[in-house]
Amino acid sequence: MRDPRGIMRAIAHALGLDERRCAHCLAPFSPGGVNTDAAFPLCPSCAEALSPYGGPRCRLCALPLHETNTEGAGHTDCPDCHGTFRPWQGIACYGLYEGALRDAILRLKFDGETAQAPFLAACLLEAAACLPRPDAVVPMPLHPSRLRERGFNQVHEMTRRLCSVTGLHAEPALLSRTKVGIPQEKLSADERARNLQDSFAASARASGLALWLVDDVMTTGSTLSAACEALRKAGATAVHVLLAARTPLAASEK
């Protein structure tokens, strides 16, 4: 005997009654054979636009590399990372900070569209498949004054949802922001590093823990480096960086 629910779905599809709205572009679409997440349904166009980056990237900073910078597929070091120490043990990133993914991040971060958080958490989950399981997950913190201005920490929202589906423990109290600096996007790479000196404090409870440090976007890596160094000084045995997006080469060079 056929599943009556399957029969009803087929009838609804034939009559165009199974129409949904894309969670990203809000356009109506009929799921049909498209695999959509019930919590964050995407139309076929957005599902393609929000697919992960699969090109060559630096194994130390996840920077996308031109084909001329690599020998074959896979990961290698970018010129900036070659022979350079990075204070994390590994890095994983879902996609490039451009197009639809950039739009989703900005809508969560500045427009307060928390409906974007489950999708971005799913991006983190997919990217994290290459990382060893941590003892705890730490979201990149905001300074208290910035948190009051914005009303929420977008990375905390992503991390909370990631942990809810993985059973991992979110530990935002392990890392705090102690200094408000000039917004990083206005500074050069050297100025970013100076701006971030003594900007983070890590709890002694980080001692002996293997951690994932989560952030939404990485540009030069100055903020992540300062945060990782604080966690390592507090005794964390390992810190792996987990990102939703990485700025492409041209944007990182600006």
Protein backbone atom coordinates (compact mmCIF):
# COMPACT_ATOMS: atom_id res chain seq x y z
CA MET A 1 0.00 0.00 0.00
CA ARG A 2 1.34 3.41 -0.95
CA ASP A 3 2.20 5.92 1.75
CA PRO A 4 -0.79 8.31 1.91
CA ARG A 5 1.56 11.16 2.84
CA GLY A 6 3.53 10.52 -0.33
CA ILE A 7 0.33 10.57 -2.36
CA MET A 8 -0.69 13.89 -0.82
CA ARG A 9 2.74 15.39 -1.50
CA ALA A 10 2.52 14.28 -5.14
CA ILE A 11 -0.96 15.80 -5.51
CA ALA A 12 0.17 19.06 -3.84
CA HIS A 13 3.16 19.25 -6.16
CA ALA A 14 1.02 18.60 -9.24
CA LEU A 15 -1.36 21.38 -8.20
CA GLY A 16 1.45 23.78 -7.29
CA LEU A 17 0.35 23.79 -3.63
CA ASP A 18 3.75 22.85 -2.20
CA GLU A 19 5.21 26.25 -2.97
CA ARG A 20 7.64 27.67 -0.39
CA ARG A 21 9.63 30.86 -0.09
CA CYS A 22 13.40 30.79 -0.28
CA ALA A 23 14.89 31.76 3.08
CA HIS A 24 17.61 33.75 1.34
CA CYS A 25 16.03 35.64 -1.60
CA LEU A 26 12.39 35.21 -0.40
CA ALA A 27 11.27 34.20 -3.88
CA PRO A 28 8.53 31.54 -4.04
CA PHE A 29 9.56 28.16 -5.39
CA SER A 30 8.28 24.62 -5.58
CA PRO A 31 10.66 22.18 -3.81
CA GLY A 32 9.86 19.29 -6.15
CA GLY A 33 13.02 17.18 -6.27
CA VAL A 34 15.17 19.93 -4.75
CA ASN A 35 16.74 18.93 -1.45
CA THR A 36 15.86 21.75 0.95
CA ASP A 37 16.42 22.15 4.68
CA ALA A 38 13.08 22.60 6.41
CA ALA A 39 14.61 25.19 8.75
CA PHE A 40 16.29 27.11 5.92
CA PRO A 41 14.73 26.22 2.55
CA LEU A 42 16.63 27.47 -0.49
CA CYS A 43 15.44 27.84 -4.04
CA PRO A 44 17.61 26.06 -6.65
CA SER A 45 19.32 29.33 -7.63
CA CYS A 46 20.30 30.25 -4.08
CA ALA A 47 21.28 26.68 -3.25
CA GLU A 48 23.80 26.84 -6.08
CA ALA A 49 25.00 30.36 -5.17
CA LEU A 50 25.51 29.34 -1.54
CA SER A 51 27.42 26.15 -2.28
CA PRO A 52 30.86 25.75 -0.63
CA TYR A 53 34.09 26.88 -2.23
CA GLY A 54 35.94 23.91 -3.67
CA GLY A 55 38.97 25.53 -5.27
CA PRO A 56 42.59 25.50 -4.11
CA ARG A 57 43.32 27.37 -0.90
CA CYS A 58 46.17 27.92 1.53
CA ARG A 59 46.33 25.19 4.16
CA LEU A 60 47.35 27.72 6.84
CA CYS A 61 45.00 30.66 6.25
CA ALA A 62 42.36 29.28 3.82
CA LEU A 63 43.13 32.03 1.31
CA PRO A 64 41.90 31.14 -2.18
CA LEU A 65 44.81 30.70 -4.57
CA HIS A 66 45.05 31.33 -8.29
CA GLU A 67 45.80 28.22 -10.31
CA THR A 68 49.20 29.70 -11.17
CA ASN A 69 50.07 29.69 -7.45
CA THR A 70 49.49 25.97 -7.04
CA GLU A 71 50.76 22.75 -8.48
CA GLY A 72 47.65 20.68 -9.03
CA ALA A 73 44.58 20.58 -6.83
CA GLY A 74 44.35 20.61 -3.07
CA HIS A 75 45.95 22.82 -0.45
CA THR A 76 49.34 24.52 -0.26
CA ASP A 77 50.87 27.59 1.36
CA CYS A 78 50.15 31.07 0.03
CA PRO A 79 53.14 33.43 -0.31
CA ASP A 80 52.21 35.25 2.91
CA CYS A 81 52.05 32.03 4.94
CA HIS A 82 55.13 30.33 3.52
CA GLY A 83 57.56 30.07 6.43
CA THR A 84 55.21 32.07 8.69
CA PHE A 85 53.97 30.95 12.10
CA ARG A 86 50.21 30.84 12.61
CA PRO A 87 48.98 30.46 16.22
CA TRP A 88 46.34 27.89 15.27
CA GLN A 89 46.77 24.19 14.56
CA GLY A 90 44.38 24.07 11.64
CA ILE A 91 41.74 26.05 9.80
CA ALA A 92 38.48 25.19 8.07
CA CYS A 93 36.32 27.50 5.98
CA TYR A 94 33.02 27.02 4.13
CA GLY A 95 33.12 29.58 1.35
CA LEU A 96 34.25 32.90 -0.04
CA TYR A 97 33.09 36.22 1.35
CA GLU A 98 31.27 37.32 -1.74
CA GLY A 99 27.91 37.05 -3.45
CA ALA A 100 25.07 35.29 -1.66
CA LEU A 101 27.20 34.05 1.26
CA ARG A 102 28.44 37.58 1.99
CA ASP A 103 24.85 38.77 1.83
CA ALA A 104 23.71 36.14 4.35
CA ILE A 105 26.49 37.09 6.77
CA LEU A 106 25.76 40.82 6.50
CA ARG A 107 22.04 40.28 6.94
CA LEU A 108 22.69 38.43 10.19
CA LYS A 109 25.43 40.77 11.42
CA PHE A 110 23.98 44.19 10.66
CA ASP A 111 20.29 43.66 9.90
CA GLY A 112 19.65 41.33 12.82
CA GLU A 113 18.14 38.60 10.63
CA THR A 114 18.73 35.74 13.06
CA ALA A 115 16.94 33.45 10.60
CA GLN A 116 20.27 33.40 8.73
CA ALA A 117 22.04 31.83 11.74
CA PRO A 118 20.83 28.22 11.18
CA PHE A 119 22.06 28.28 7.59
CA LEU A 120 25.46 29.72 8.55
CA ALA A 121 25.71 27.15 11.34
CA ALA A 122 25.10 24.44 8.73
CA CYS A 123 27.95 25.95 6.69
CA LEU A 124 30.22 25.74 9.74
CA LEU A 125 29.18 22.14 10.32
CA GLU A 126 30.09 21.13 6.77
CA ALA A 127 33.42 22.96 6.92
CA ALA A 128 34.29 21.41 10.29
CA ALA A 129 34.29 17.85 8.91
CA CYS A 130 38.08 18.05 8.50
CA LEU A 131 38.75 19.18 12.09
CA PRO A 132 39.35 16.99 15.15
CA ARG A 133 36.51 17.06 17.67
CA PRO A 134 37.18 19.72 20.32
CA ASP A 135 36.56 19.88 24.05
CA ALA A 136 34.71 23.17 23.58
CA VAL A 137 33.73 25.71 20.94
CA VAL A 138 34.53 29.41 21.45
CA PRO A 139 32.77 32.14 19.45
CA MET A 140 34.75 35.26 18.59
CA PRO A 141 33.65 37.77 21.26
CA LEU A 142 32.49 41.35 20.92
CA HIS A 143 33.56 44.08 23.31
CA PRO A 144 30.70 44.79 25.78
CA SER A 145 30.15 48.26 24.31
CA ARG A 146 29.83 46.83 20.78
CA LEU A 147 27.53 44.13 22.08
CA ARG A 148 25.25 46.77 23.60
CA GLU A 149 25.21 48.67 20.29
CA ARG A 150 24.39 45.65 18.17
CA GLY A 151 22.23 43.84 20.69
CA PHE A 152 23.65 40.39 19.94
CA ASN A 153 26.83 38.64 18.82
CA GLN A 154 26.23 37.11 15.39
CA VAL A 155 29.07 34.61 15.84
CA HIS A 156 27.60 33.49 19.16
CA GLU A 157 24.28 32.85 17.38
CA MET A 158 26.02 30.73 14.74
CA THR A 159 28.03 28.84 17.38
CA ARG A 160 25.01 28.17 19.58
CA ARG A 161 23.16 26.56 16.69
CA LEU A 162 26.23 24.60 15.60
CA CYS A 163 26.56 23.15 19.09
CA SER A 164 22.86 22.31 19.29
CA VAL A 165 23.16 19.91 16.36
CA THR A 166 26.58 18.45 17.20
CA GLY A 167 26.37 18.02 20.96
CA LEU A 168 29.51 20.13 21.37
CA HIS A 169 29.82 22.61 24.23
CA ALA A 170 29.83 26.34 23.50
CA GLU A 171 32.07 28.18 25.96
CA PRO A 172 31.83 31.90 25.18
CA ALA A 173 33.19 32.80 28.64
CA LEU A 174 36.62 31.37 27.77
CA LEU A 175 37.48 34.45 25.69
CA SER A 176 36.62 38.12 26.13
CA ARG A 177 37.32 41.33 24.26
CA THR A 178 39.07 43.83 26.52
CA LYS A 179 39.67 46.79 24.22
CA VAL A 180 37.63 48.66 21.64
CA GLY A 181 39.83 49.55 18.70
CA ILE A 182 39.28 51.27 15.39
CA PRO A 183 37.13 49.11 13.07
CA GLN A 184 39.51 46.68 11.36
CA GLU A 185 38.19 47.22 7.84
CA LYS A 186 39.59 50.76 7.87
CA LEU A 187 43.16 49.64 8.62
CA SER A 188 46.09 48.11 6.77
CA ALA A 189 47.43 44.69 7.80
CA ASP A 190 50.17 46.22 10.00
CA GLU A 191 47.73 48.68 11.56
CA ARG A 192 45.32 45.83 12.29
CA ALA A 193 47.99 43.97 14.25
CA ARG A 194 48.87 47.05 16.34
CA ASN A 195 45.19 47.85 16.87
CA LEU A 196 44.64 44.38 18.35
CA GLN A 197 47.48 44.35 20.87
CA ASP A 198 46.15 43.26 24.29
CA SER A 199 42.61 43.14 22.88
CA PHE A 200 41.70 39.70 24.23
CA ALA A 201 41.74 37.96 27.61
CA ALA A 202 41.31 34.21 28.01
CA SER A 203 40.04 32.39 31.08
CA ALA A 204 42.31 30.01 32.97
CA ARG A 205 39.59 27.40 32.34
CA ALA A 206 40.94 27.13 28.80
CA SER A 207 43.98 25.33 30.19
CA GLY A 208 44.27 21.79 28.89
CA LEU A 209 41.44 22.14 26.37
CA ALA A 210 41.41 21.58 22.63
CA LEU A 211 39.23 24.31 21.15
CA TRP A 212 37.48 25.44 18.01
CA LEU A 213 37.52 29.23 17.63
CA VAL A 214 34.58 30.30 15.45
CA ASP A 215 34.32 33.49 13.42
CA ASP A 216 32.14 34.63 10.55
CA VAL A 217 34.77 36.15 8.24
CA MET A 218 38.57 36.18 8.03
CA THR A 219 40.38 38.89 6.08
CA THR A 220 44.03 39.26 7.15
CA GLY A 221 43.80 36.96 10.17
CA SER A 222 44.99 39.62 12.65
CA THR A 223 41.94 39.30 14.90
CA LEU A 224 42.05 35.50 14.86
CA SER A 225 45.78 35.52 15.60
CA ALA A 226 45.33 37.76 18.64
CA ALA A 227 42.46 35.64 19.94
CA CYS A 228 44.32 32.36 19.41
CA GLU A 229 47.42 33.71 21.13
CA ALA A 230 45.35 34.66 24.18
CA LEU A 231 43.84 31.15 24.35
CA ARG A 232 47.23 29.48 23.94
CA LYS A 233 48.74 31.68 26.67
CA ALA A 234 45.90 30.58 28.94
CA GLY A 235 46.97 26.97 28.40
CA ALA A 236 44.75 25.69 25.57
CA THR A 237 46.45 22.62 24.13
CA ALA A 238 45.21 23.31 20.58
CA VAL A 239 43.11 25.90 18.77
CA HIS A 240 41.52 25.21 15.40
CA VAL A 241 39.84 28.04 13.51
CA LEU A 242 36.40 27.51 11.97
CA LEU A 243 35.05 30.11 9.53
CA ALA A 244 31.91 30.70 7.54
CA ALA A 245 33.79 32.74 4.92
CA ARG A 246 37.22 33.90 3.82
CA THR A 247 37.80 37.04 1.80
CA PRO A 248 39.16 36.25 -1.67
CA LEU A 249 42.67 37.21 -2.67
CA ALA A 250 41.84 40.58 -4.24
CA ALA A 251 39.90 41.74 -1.19
CA SER A 252 42.60 40.55 1.22
CA GLU A 253 45.25 42.57 -0.62
CA LYS A 254 43.39 45.88 -0.23
